């Protein structure tokens, strides 16, 4: 017999005794104190016998499970049931409203035991979930430490530290190159926005079709774009979040009449319009190959210590 079978049988015995007690009480004659005392004594005897019997059975079960009464006591304490009222203190007498107060106490003993068992399962599940999450975090950290992204970040830090510069983070939303240029211009008091930059960039591309067309490839065929496709490309640069790259930086340098320096973690910096606008300090941005899973990304570069983030 397992614990649940024992508890079910005890509950059934209590239920049967309760019915018998109710019948005995119904048989007490009115104003017959002697008969009433005899019946109440009989009820007390029946209750006591059941309590003793069930207590012995419960103790026997615990001894079987834990080896000794002291071990059982330790187990009960560890399960949070050491405050359960002793069986001999329980009463099956009806209260004033006719409800079985003692039966409620007795049933609560088993309910607490059930809750304790369920709680142990929940605690074990929570611990396993915690350990799983810790393993995932450790594995993710190890992967990050050996990733191309981490290597690129370390190289950028070394390069920028040597120049007394630092990164200014730009959101990755398709406009990062234009927003990096916008931020660089704002440092010089030139107010603009992404849409204005896209418009002047597209206008410059259209004006200098002969200069830029040979460097743009039709992604469907790997051939050089024809003029029709090239102008559709210019429209995308102006009206959508189409990513910008080296071609667009060249066009912006012409349109804004400023030099642009693009710092990379690998390879030399890309200088655009440096000789053409040699009297000006270049706008400085960074090009990241591994910052995000979607691909390339641009940030703005500022003097070290001036980053508000």
C-alpha atoms as a PDB file:
ATOM      1  CA  UNK A   1       0.000   0.000   0.000  1.00  0.00           C
ATOM      2  CA  UNK A   2       1.380   3.431  -0.905  1.00  0.00           C
ATOM      3  CA  UNK A   3       0.840   6.690   0.942  1.00  0.00           C
ATOM      4  CA  UNK A   4      -2.133   7.777  -1.144  1.00  0.00           C
ATOM      5  CA  UNK A   5      -3.963   4.480  -0.562  1.00  0.00           C
ATOM      6  CA  UNK A   6      -3.405   4.800   3.189  1.00  0.00           C
ATOM      7  CA  UNK A   7      -4.682   8.380   3.240  1.00  0.00           C
ATOM      8  CA  UNK A   8      -7.754   7.440   1.213  1.00  0.00           C
ATOM      9  CA  UNK A   9      -8.605   4.587   3.604  1.00  0.00           C
ATOM     10  CA  UNK A  10      -8.169   6.831   6.654  1.00  0.00           C
ATOM     11  CA  UNK A  11     -10.493   9.401   5.162  1.00  0.00           C
ATOM     12  CA  UNK A  12     -13.109   6.723   4.465  1.00  0.00           C
ATOM     13  CA  UNK A  13     -12.860   5.437   8.046  1.00  0.00           C
ATOM     14  CA  UNK A  14     -13.344   8.949   9.392  1.00  0.00           C
ATOM     15  CA  UNK A  15     -16.350   9.409   7.149  1.00  0.00           C
ATOM     16  CA  UNK A  16     -17.915   6.153   8.330  1.00  0.00           C
ATOM     17  CA  UNK A  17     -17.279   7.031  11.990  1.00  0.00           C
ATOM     18  CA  UNK A  18     -18.855  10.420  11.517  1.00  0.00           C
ATOM     19  CA  UNK A  19     -22.046   8.767  10.175  1.00  0.00           C
ATOM     20  CA  UNK A  20     -22.102   6.386  13.133  1.00  0.00           C
ATOM     21  CA  UNK A  21     -21.632   9.260  15.595  1.00  0.00           C
ATOM     22  CA  UNK A  22     -24.531  11.117  14.024  1.00  0.00           C
ATOM     23  CA  UNK A  23     -26.791   8.048  14.437  1.00  0.00           C
ATOM     24  CA  UNK A  24     -25.703   7.571  18.056  1.00  0.00           C
ATOM     25  CA  UNK A  25     -26.463  11.181  18.882  1.00  0.00           C
ATOM     26  CA  UNK A  26     -29.869  10.897  17.291  1.00  0.00           C
ATOM     27  CA  UNK A  27     -30.594   8.022  19.709  1.00  0.00           C
ATOM     28  CA  UNK A  28     -30.053  10.132  22.866  1.00  0.00           C
ATOM     29  CA  UNK A  29     -33.410  10.484  24.678  1.00  0.00           C
ATOM     30  CA  UNK A  30     -34.429  13.980  25.688  1.00  0.00           C
ATOM     31  CA  UNK A  31     -33.770  14.852  29.342  1.00  0.00           C
ATOM     32  CA  UNK A  32     -32.005  11.489  29.932  1.00  0.00           C
ATOM     33  CA  UNK A  33     -28.614  12.612  31.190  1.00  0.00           C
ATOM     34  CA  UNK A  34     -27.503   9.098  32.097  1.00  0.00           C
ATOM     35  CA  UNK A  35     -28.195   7.722  28.615  1.00  0.00           C
ATOM     36  CA  UNK A  36     -26.584  10.771  27.050  1.00  0.00           C
ATOM     37  CA  UNK A  37     -23.428  10.204  29.114  1.00  0.00           C
ATOM     38  CA  UNK A  38     -23.302   6.538  28.095  1.00  0.00           C
ATOM     39  CA  UNK A  39     -23.619   7.403  24.407  1.00  0.00           C
ATOM     40  CA  UNK A  40     -21.030  10.206  24.624  1.00  0.00           C
ATOM     41  CA  UNK A  41     -18.626   7.834  26.393  1.00  0.00           C
ATOM     42  CA  UNK A  42     -19.164   5.317  23.589  1.00  0.00           C
ATOM     43  CA  UNK A  43     -18.472   8.025  20.980  1.00  0.00           C
ATOM     44  CA  UNK A  44     -15.282   8.994  22.809  1.00  0.00           C
ATOM     45  CA  UNK A  45     -14.177   5.355  22.875  1.00  0.00           C
ATOM     46  CA  UNK A  46     -14.808   4.902  19.147  1.00  0.00           C
ATOM     47  CA  UNK A  47     -12.962   8.110  18.316  1.00  0.00           C
ATOM     48  CA  UNK A  48     -10.030   7.162  20.487  1.00  0.00           C
ATOM     49  CA  UNK A  49      -9.758   3.699  18.975  1.00  0.00           C
ATOM     50  CA  UNK A  50      -9.769   5.123  15.453  1.00  0.00           C
ATOM     51  CA  UNK A  51      -7.201   7.775  16.277  1.00  0.00           C
ATOM     52  CA  UNK A  52      -4.859   5.261  17.887  1.00  0.00           C
ATOM     53  CA  UNK A  53      -5.300   2.812  15.033  1.00  0.00           C
ATOM     54  CA  UNK A  54      -4.660   5.402  12.334  1.00  0.00           C
ATOM     55  CA  UNK A  55      -1.735   6.905  14.209  1.00  0.00           C
ATOM     56  CA  UNK A  56      -0.091   3.481  14.447  1.00  0.00           C
ATOM     57  CA  UNK A  57      -0.678   2.823  10.769  1.00  0.00           C
ATOM     58  CA  UNK A  58       0.772   6.195   9.839  1.00  0.00           C
ATOM     59  CA  UNK A  59       3.798   5.646  12.075  1.00  0.00           C
ATOM     60  CA  UNK A  60       4.266   2.207  10.569  1.00  0.00           C
ATOM     61  CA  UNK A  61       4.165   3.631   7.088  1.00  0.00           C
ATOM     62  CA  UNK A  62       6.727   6.316   7.973  1.00  0.00           C
ATOM     63  CA  UNK A  63       9.021   3.731   9.554  1.00  0.00           C
ATOM     64  CA  UNK A  64       8.802   1.645   6.404  1.00  0.00           C
ATOM     65  CA  UNK A  65       9.694   4.661   4.270  1.00  0.00           C
ATOM     66  CA  UNK A  66      12.347   6.272   6.480  1.00  0.00           C
ATOM     67  CA  UNK A  67      13.732   3.427   8.606  1.00  0.00           C
ATOM     68  CA  UNK A  68      12.887   4.717  12.082  1.00  0.00           C
ATOM     69  CA  UNK A  69      10.561   7.065  13.905  1.00  0.00           C
ATOM     70  CA  UNK A  70      13.350   9.596  14.447  1.00  0.00           C
ATOM     71  CA  UNK A  71      14.128   9.513  10.714  1.00  0.00           C
ATOM     72  CA  UNK A  72      10.451   9.956   9.969  1.00  0.00           C
ATOM     73  CA  UNK A  73      10.314  12.934  12.316  1.00  0.00           C
ATOM     74  CA  UNK A  74      13.292  14.503  10.534  1.00  0.00           C
ATOM     75  CA  UNK A  75      11.651  13.863   7.179  1.00  0.00           C
ATOM     76  CA  UNK A  76       8.379  15.414   8.294  1.00  0.00           C
ATOM     77  CA  UNK A  77      10.245  18.459   9.571  1.00  0.00           C
ATOM     78  CA  UNK A  78      12.081  18.856   6.283  1.00  0.00           C
ATOM     79  CA  UNK A  79       8.791  18.681   4.428  1.00  0.00           C
ATOM     80  CA  UNK A  80       7.286  21.488   6.450  1.00  0.00           C
ATOM     81  CA  UNK A  81       4.713  19.304   8.254  1.00  0.00           C
ATOM     82  CA  UNK A  82       6.152  19.470  11.793  1.00  0.00           C
ATOM     83  CA  UNK A  83       3.405  21.922  12.773  1.00  0.00           C
ATOM     84  CA  UNK A  84       0.583  19.493  11.886  1.00  0.00           C
ATOM     85  CA  UNK A  85      -1.595  18.829  14.934  1.00  0.00           C
ATOM     86  CA  UNK A  86      -1.140  15.391  16.511  1.00  0.00           C
ATOM     87  CA  UNK A  87      -3.843  12.867  15.645  1.00  0.00           C
ATOM     88  CA  UNK A  88      -4.725  12.289  19.284  1.00  0.00           C
ATOM     89  CA  UNK A  89      -5.637  15.981  19.618  1.00  0.00           C
ATOM     90  CA  UNK A  90      -8.172  15.864  16.806  1.00  0.00           C
ATOM     91  CA  UNK A  91     -11.874  15.677  17.543  1.00  0.00           C
ATOM     92  CA  UNK A  92     -14.666  14.361  15.391  1.00  0.00           C
ATOM     93  CA  UNK A  93     -17.392  16.094  17.453  1.00  0.00           C
ATOM     94  CA  UNK A  94     -19.788  18.323  15.550  1.00  0.00           C
ATOM     95  CA  UNK A  95     -19.540  22.049  16.234  1.00  0.00           C
ATOM     96  CA  UNK A  96     -22.514  24.266  16.958  1.00  0.00           C
ATOM     97  CA  UNK A  97     -23.351  24.574  13.258  1.00  0.00           C
ATOM     98  CA  UNK A  98     -23.303  20.832  12.778  1.00  0.00           C
ATOM     99  CA  UNK A  99     -19.965  20.874  10.851  1.00  0.00           C
ATOM    100  CA  UNK A 100     -17.181  18.445  11.558  1.00  0.00           C
ATOM    101  CA  UNK A 101     -14.426  20.634  13.005  1.00  0.00           C
ATOM    102  CA  UNK A 102     -12.290  17.684  14.045  1.00  0.00           C
ATOM    103  CA  UNK A 103     -12.710  16.081  10.636  1.00  0.00           C
ATOM    104  CA  UNK A 104     -11.555  19.297   9.006  1.00  0.00           C
ATOM    105  CA  UNK A 105      -8.429  19.262  11.161  1.00  0.00           C
ATOM    106  CA  UNK A 106      -7.793  15.621  10.365  1.00  0.00           C
ATOM    107  CA  UNK A 107      -8.267  16.166   6.641  1.00  0.00           C
ATOM    108  CA  UNK A 108      -5.996  19.239   6.820  1.00  0.00           C
ATOM    109  CA  UNK A 109      -3.199  16.941   8.012  1.00  0.00           C
ATOM    110  CA  UNK A 110      -3.355  15.054   4.730  1.00  0.00           C
ATOM    111  CA  UNK A 111      -3.888  18.210   2.712  1.00  0.00           C
ATOM    112  CA  UNK A 112      -0.703  19.747   4.137  1.00  0.00           C
ATOM    113  CA  UNK A 113       1.181  16.556   3.320  1.00  0.00           C
ATOM    114  CA  UNK A 114      -0.156  16.692  -0.247  1.00  0.00           C
ATOM    115  CA  UNK A 115       0.778  20.356  -0.610  1.00  0.00           C
ATOM    116  CA  UNK A 116       4.248  19.605   0.716  1.00  0.00           C
ATOM    117  CA  UNK A 117       4.730  16.836  -1.841  1.00  0.00           C
ATOM    118  CA  UNK A 118       3.486  19.054  -4.662  1.00  0.00           C
ATOM    119  CA  UNK A 119       5.712  21.884  -3.458  1.00  0.00           C
ATOM    120  CA  UNK A 120       8.743  19.598  -3.594  1.00  0.00           C
ATOM    121  CA  UNK A 121       7.913  18.821  -7.224  1.00  0.00           C
ATOM    122  CA  UNK A 122       7.563  22.510  -8.023  1.00  0.00           C
ATOM    123  CA  UNK A 123      10.825  23.333  -6.284  1.00  0.00           C
ATOM    124  CA  UNK A 124      12.633  20.573  -8.163  1.00  0.00           C
ATOM    125  CA  UNK A 125      11.201  21.791 -11.478  1.00  0.00           C
ATOM    126  CA  UNK A 126      12.217  25.378 -10.674  1.00  0.00           C
ATOM    127  CA  UNK A 127      15.743  24.256  -9.776  1.00  0.00           C
ATOM    128  CA  UNK A 128      16.094  22.298 -13.027  1.00  0.00           C
ATOM    129  CA  UNK A 129      14.845  25.310 -15.005  1.00  0.00           C
ATOM    130  CA  UNK A 130      17.318  27.570 -13.197  1.00  0.00           C
ATOM    131  CA  UNK A 131      20.200  25.210 -13.955  1.00  0.00           C
ATOM    132  CA  UNK A 132      19.100  25.013 -17.605  1.00  0.00           C
ATOM    133  CA  UNK A 133      19.018  28.815 -17.881  1.00  0.00           C
ATOM    134  CA  UNK A 134      22.458  29.082 -16.269  1.00  0.00           C
ATOM    135  CA  UNK A 135      23.851  26.593 -18.800  1.00  0.00           C
ATOM    136  CA  UNK A 136      22.315  28.542 -21.693  1.00  0.00           C
ATOM    137  CA  UNK A 137      23.766  31.816 -20.397  1.00  0.00           C
ATOM    138  CA  UNK A 138      27.198  30.249 -19.896  1.00  0.00           C
ATOM    139  CA  UNK A 139      27.157  28.753 -23.397  1.00  0.00           C
ATOM    140  CA  UNK A 140      25.986  32.061 -24.903  1.00  0.00           C
ATOM    141  CA  UNK A 141      28.746  33.923 -23.077  1.00  0.00           C
ATOM    142  CA  UNK A 142      31.347  31.444 -24.304  1.00  0.00           C
ATOM    143  CA  UNK A 143      30.059  31.723 -27.882  1.00  0.00           C
ATOM    144  CA  UNK A 144      30.108  35.525 -27.672  1.00  0.00           C
ATOM    145  CA  UNK A 145      33.664  35.575 -26.292  1.00  0.00           C
ATOM    146  CA  UNK A 146      34.838  33.588 -29.339  1.00  0.00           C
ATOM    147  CA  UNK A 147      32.596  35.286 -31.890  1.00  0.00           C
ATOM    148  CA  UNK A 148      33.524  37.468 -34.851  1.00  0.00           C
ATOM    149  CA  UNK A 149      31.428  40.219 -33.248  1.00  0.00           C
ATOM    150  CA  UNK A 150      33.525  40.204 -30.053  1.00  0.00           C
ATOM    151  CA  UNK A 151      36.760  40.117 -32.057  1.00  0.00           C
ATOM    152  CA  UNK A 152      35.593  43.091 -34.117  1.00  0.00           C
ATOM    153  CA  UNK A 153      34.579  45.012 -30.973  1.00  0.00           C
ATOM    154  CA  UNK A 154      37.999  44.411 -29.402  1.00  0.00           C
ATOM    155  CA  UNK A 155      39.806  45.604 -32.531  1.00  0.00           C
ATOM    156  CA  UNK A 156      37.649  48.722 -32.730  1.00  0.00           C
ATOM    157  CA  UNK A 157      38.382  49.511 -29.083  1.00  0.00           C
ATOM    158  CA  UNK A 158      42.123  49.182 -29.632  1.00  0.00           C
ATOM    159  CA  UNK A 159      42.041  51.380 -32.755  1.00  0.00           C
ATOM    160  CA  UNK A 160      39.825  54.073 -31.248  1.00  0.00           C
ATOM    161  CA  UNK A 161      41.670  54.109 -27.911  1.00  0.00           C
ATOM    162  CA  UNK A 162      44.864  54.788 -29.831  1.00  0.00           C
ATOM    163  CA  UNK A 163      43.209  57.737 -31.587  1.00  0.00           C
ATOM    164  CA  UNK A 164      41.506  59.119 -28.477  1.00  0.00           C
ATOM    165  CA  UNK A 165      38.095  58.378 -29.986  1.00  0.00           C
ATOM    166  CA  UNK A 166      35.058  56.305 -29.051  1.00  0.00           C
ATOM    167  CA  UNK A 167      31.889  54.927 -30.638  1.00  0.00           C
ATOM    168  CA  UNK A 168      28.563  56.716 -30.601  1.00  0.00           C
ATOM    169  CA  UNK A 169      25.863  54.080 -31.061  1.00  0.00           C
ATOM    170  CA  UNK A 170      23.443  54.526 -33.948  1.00  0.00           C
ATOM    171  CA  UNK A 171      20.205  52.447 -34.089  1.00  0.00           C
ATOM    172  CA  UNK A 172      20.173  49.565 -36.566  1.00  0.00           C
ATOM    173  CA  UNK A 173      17.031  50.315 -38.576  1.00  0.00           C
ATOM    174  CA  UNK A 174      18.085  50.637 -42.225  1.00  0.00           C
ATOM    175  CA  UNK A 175      18.984  54.316 -41.820  1.00  0.00           C
ATOM    176  CA  UNK A 176      22.184  53.813 -39.795  1.00  0.00           C
ATOM    177  CA  UNK A 177      24.602  55.238 -42.382  1.00  0.00           C
ATOM    178  CA  UNK A 178      22.481  58.343 -42.947  1.00  0.00           C
ATOM    179  CA  UNK A 179      21.904  58.776 -39.184  1.00  0.00           C
ATOM    180  CA  UNK A 180      25.658  58.487 -38.551  1.00  0.00           C
ATOM    181  CA  UNK A 181      26.264  61.294 -41.081  1.00  0.00           C
ATOM    182  CA  UNK A 182      23.392  63.298 -39.543  1.00  0.00           C
ATOM    183  CA  UNK A 183      24.999  62.965 -36.114  1.00  0.00           C
ATOM    184  CA  UNK A 184      28.421  64.005 -37.423  1.00  0.00           C
ATOM    185  CA  UNK A 185      26.938  67.103 -39.046  1.00  0.00           C
ATOM    186  CA  UNK A 186      25.078  67.997 -35.830  1.00  0.00           C
ATOM    187  CA  UNK A 187      28.433  68.069 -33.990  1.00  0.00           C
ATOM    188  CA  UNK A 188      29.383  70.906 -36.336  1.00  0.00           C
ATOM    189  CA  UNK A 189      26.101  72.754 -35.916  1.00  0.00           C
ATOM    190  CA  UNK A 190      24.683  71.657 -39.277  1.00  0.00           C
ATOM    191  CA  UNK A 191      21.077  70.617 -38.738  1.00  0.00           C
ATOM    192  CA  UNK A 192      19.533  68.096 -41.102  1.00  0.00           C
ATOM    193  CA  UNK A 193      17.619  64.816 -40.997  1.00  0.00           C
ATOM    194  CA  UNK A 194      17.672  61.396 -42.592  1.00  0.00           C
ATOM    195  CA  UNK A 195      15.073  62.186 -45.256  1.00  0.00           C
ATOM    196  CA  UNK A 196      16.947  65.315 -46.384  1.00  0.00           C
ATOM    197  CA  UNK A 197      20.180  63.320 -46.581  1.00  0.00           C
ATOM    198  CA  UNK A 198      18.492  60.572 -48.595  1.00  0.00           C
ATOM    199  CA  UNK A 199      17.072  63.161 -50.975  1.00  0.00           C
ATOM    200  CA  UNK A 200      20.361  64.985 -51.595  1.00  0.00           C
ATOM    201  CA  UNK A 201      22.147  61.631 -51.936  1.00  0.00           C
ATOM    202  CA  UNK A 202      19.645  60.392 -54.566  1.00  0.00           C
ATOM    203  CA  UNK A 203      19.826  63.711 -56.408  1.00  0.00           C
ATOM    204  CA  UNK A 204      23.631  63.486 -56.544  1.00  0.00           C
ATOM    205  CA  UNK A 205      23.469  59.903 -57.773  1.00  0.00           C
ATOM    206  CA  UNK A 206      21.139  60.949 -60.598  1.00  0.00           C
ATOM    207  CA  UNK A 207      23.324  63.923 -61.488  1.00  0.00           C
ATOM    208  CA  UNK A 208      26.457  61.763 -61.615  1.00  0.00           C
ATOM    209  CA  UNK A 209      25.010  58.707 -63.292  1.00  0.00           C
ATOM    210  CA  UNK A 210      28.090  58.286 -65.506  1.00  0.00           C
ATOM    211  CA  UNK A 211      30.357  58.245 -62.437  1.00  0.00           C
ATOM    212  CA  UNK A 212      28.405  55.821 -60.289  1.00  0.00           C
ATOM    213  CA  UNK A 213      26.498  53.522 -62.682  1.00  0.00           C
ATOM    214  CA  UNK A 214      29.554  51.376 -63.586  1.00  0.00           C
ATOM    215  CA  UNK A 215      29.968  50.453 -59.897  1.00  0.00           C
ATOM    216  CA  UNK A 216      26.430  49.175 -59.315  1.00  0.00           C
ATOM    217  CA  UNK A 217      25.520  45.562 -60.074  1.00  0.00           C
ATOM    218  CA  UNK A 218      22.175  44.045 -61.024  1.00  0.00           C
ATOM    219  CA  UNK A 219      21.620  41.544 -58.186  1.00  0.00           C
ATOM    220  CA  UNK A 220      19.486  39.340 -60.449  1.00  0.00           C
ATOM    221  CA  UNK A 221      22.191  38.759 -63.068  1.00  0.00           C
ATOM    222  CA  UNK A 222      25.469  40.091 -61.612  1.00  0.00           C
ATOM    223  CA  UNK A 223      25.695  42.396 -64.632  1.00  0.00           C
ATOM    224  CA  UNK A 224      26.178  46.163 -64.464  1.00  0.00           C
ATOM    225  CA  UNK A 225      22.855  47.949 -63.989  1.00  0.00           C
ATOM    226  CA  UNK A 226      21.166  49.518 -66.992  1.00  0.00           C
ATOM    227  CA  UNK A 227      20.008  53.122 -66.637  1.00  0.00           C
ATOM    228  CA  UNK A 228      16.366  52.213 -66.010  1.00  0.00           C
ATOM    229  CA  UNK A 229      17.256  49.954 -63.097  1.00  0.00           C
ATOM    230  CA  UNK A 230      19.793  52.530 -61.867  1.00  0.00           C
ATOM    231  CA  UNK A 231      17.133  55.236 -61.590  1.00  0.00           C
ATOM    232  CA  UNK A 232      14.806  52.842 -59.796  1.00  0.00           C
ATOM    233  CA  UNK A 233      17.693  52.249 -57.380  1.00  0.00           C
ATOM    234  CA  UNK A 234      18.017  56.023 -56.838  1.00  0.00           C
ATOM    235  CA  UNK A 235      14.302  56.170 -56.051  1.00  0.00           C
ATOM    236  CA  UNK A 236      14.711  53.408 -53.444  1.00  0.00           C
ATOM    237  CA  UNK A 237      17.563  55.290 -51.776  1.00  0.00           C
ATOM    238  CA  UNK A 238      15.371  58.384 -51.543  1.00  0.00           C
ATOM    239  CA  UNK A 239      12.007  56.901 -50.602  1.00  0.00           C
ATOM    240  CA  UNK A 240      12.690  53.723 -48.606  1.00  0.00           C
ATOM    241  CA  UNK A 241      14.964  52.460 -45.852  1.00  0.00           C
ATOM    242  CA  UNK A 242      17.284  50.930 -48.431  1.00  0.00           C
ATOM    243  CA  UNK A 243      20.732  50.555 -46.871  1.00  0.00           C
ATOM    244  CA  UNK A 244      23.431  52.977 -47.841  1.00  0.00           C
ATOM    245  CA  UNK A 245      27.067  52.042 -48.494  1.00  0.00           C
ATOM    246  CA  UNK A 246      30.268  53.300 -50.092  1.00  0.00           C
ATOM    247  CA  UNK A 247      28.513  54.601 -53.242  1.00  0.00           C
ATOM    248  CA  UNK A 248      26.076  56.653 -51.155  1.00  0.00           C
ATOM    249  CA  UNK A 249      28.920  58.020 -49.010  1.00  0.00           C
ATOM    250  CA  UNK A 250      30.690  59.152 -52.165  1.00  0.00           C
ATOM    251  CA  UNK A 251      27.521  60.898 -53.327  1.00  0.00           C
ATOM    252  CA  UNK A 252      27.000  62.550 -49.926  1.00  0.00           C
ATOM    253  CA  UNK A 253      30.581  63.782 -49.884  1.00  0.00           C
ATOM    254  CA  UNK A 254      29.943  65.535 -53.214  1.00  0.00           C
ATOM    255  CA  UNK A 255      26.516  66.861 -52.208  1.00  0.00           C
ATOM    256  CA  UNK A 256      27.566  68.119 -48.746  1.00  0.00           C
ATOM    257  CA  UNK A 257      31.071  69.154 -49.880  1.00  0.00           C
ATOM    258  CA  UNK A 258      32.719  67.461 -46.937  1.00  0.00           C
ATOM    259  CA  UNK A 259      35.360  64.728 -46.597  1.00  0.00           C
ATOM    260  CA  UNK A 260      34.314  61.473 -44.902  1.00  0.00           C
ATOM    261  CA  UNK A 261      36.530  58.953 -43.102  1.00  0.00           C
ATOM    262  CA  UNK A 262      35.238  55.432 -42.499  1.00  0.00           C
ATOM    263  CA  UNK A 263      37.135  53.503 -39.817  1.00  0.00           C
ATOM    264  CA  UNK A 264      37.104  49.694 -40.045  1.00  0.00           C
ATOM    265  CA  UNK A 265      38.211  47.025 -37.581  1.00  0.00           C
ATOM    266  CA  UNK A 266      39.963  45.158 -40.383  1.00  0.00           C
ATOM    267  CA  UNK A 267      42.004  46.963 -43.018  1.00  0.00           C
ATOM    268  CA  UNK A 268      42.794  50.652 -43.450  1.00  0.00           C
ATOM    269  CA  UNK A 269      40.282  53.448 -43.122  1.00  0.00           C
ATOM    270  CA  UNK A 270      38.365  54.467 -46.230  1.00  0.00           C
ATOM    271  CA  UNK A 271      38.961  58.137 -47.051  1.00  0.00           C
ATOM    272  CA  UNK A 272      36.341  59.813 -49.226  1.00  0.00           C
ATOM    273  CA  UNK A 273      36.881  63.319 -50.627  1.00  0.00           C
ATOM    274  CA  UNK A 274      39.878  63.907 -48.345  1.00  0.00           C
ATOM    275  CA  UNK A 275      41.953  65.529 -51.098  1.00  0.00           C
ATOM    276  CA  UNK A 276      38.975  67.225 -52.708  1.00  0.00           C
ATOM    277  CA  UNK A 277      38.002  68.989 -49.456  1.00  0.00           C
ATOM    278  CA  UNK A 278      41.420  69.020 -47.785  1.00  0.00           C
ATOM    279  CA  UNK A 279      40.723  72.245 -45.888  1.00  0.00           C
ATOM    280  CA  UNK A 280      37.998  70.578 -43.808  1.00  0.00           C
ATOM    281  CA  UNK A 281      38.099  68.019 -41.021  1.00  0.00           C
ATOM    282  CA  UNK A 282      36.392  64.832 -42.193  1.00  0.00           C
ATOM    283  CA  UNK A 283      33.178  63.432 -40.827  1.00  0.00           C
ATOM    284  CA  UNK A 284      34.229  60.233 -39.015  1.00  0.00           C
ATOM    285  CA  UNK A 285      32.041  57.147 -38.922  1.00  0.00           C
ATOM    286  CA  UNK A 286      32.718  53.445 -38.360  1.00  0.00           C
ATOM    287  CA  UNK A 287      31.806  50.455 -40.511  1.00  0.00           C
ATOM    288  CA  UNK A 288      30.931  47.191 -38.727  1.00  0.00           C
ATOM    289  CA  UNK A 289      30.679  43.856 -40.528  1.00  0.00           C
ATOM    290  CA  UNK A 290      29.562  41.771 -37.528  1.00  0.00           C
ATOM    291  CA  UNK A 291      27.606  44.127 -35.242  1.00  0.00           C
ATOM    292  CA  UNK A 292      24.240  42.566 -36.112  1.00  0.00           C
ATOM    293  CA  UNK A 293      23.060  39.319 -37.684  1.00  0.00           C
ATOM    294  CA  UNK A 294      21.425  41.193 -40.553  1.00  0.00           C
ATOM    295  CA  UNK A 295      24.778  42.471 -41.810  1.00  0.00           C
ATOM    296  CA  UNK A 296      26.745  45.699 -42.026  1.00  0.00           C
ATOM    297  CA  UNK A 297      26.211  48.644 -39.714  1.00  0.00           C
ATOM    298  CA  UNK A 298      27.513  52.179 -39.272  1.00  0.00           C
ATOM    299  CA  UNK A 299      28.138  54.143 -36.083  1.00  0.00           C
ATOM    300  CA  UNK A 300      29.303  57.692 -35.473  1.00  0.00           C
ATOM    301  CA  UNK A 301      32.716  58.441 -33.942  1.00  0.00           C
ATOM    302  CA  UNK A 302      33.296  61.103 -31.276  1.00  0.00           C
ATOM    303  CA  UNK A 303      36.222  62.298 -29.158  1.00  0.00           C
ATOM    304  CA  UNK A 304      36.838  59.980 -26.194  1.00  0.00           C
ATOM    305  CA  UNK A 305      35.011  61.051 -23.047  1.00  0.00           C
ATOM    306  CA  UNK A 306      32.312  63.062 -24.835  1.00  0.00           C
ATOM    307  CA  UNK A 307      29.890  60.153 -25.311  1.00  0.00           C
ATOM    308  CA  UNK A 308      26.662  61.010 -23.422  1.00  0.00           C
ATOM    309  CA  UNK A 309      25.557  57.318 -23.340  1.00  0.00           C
END
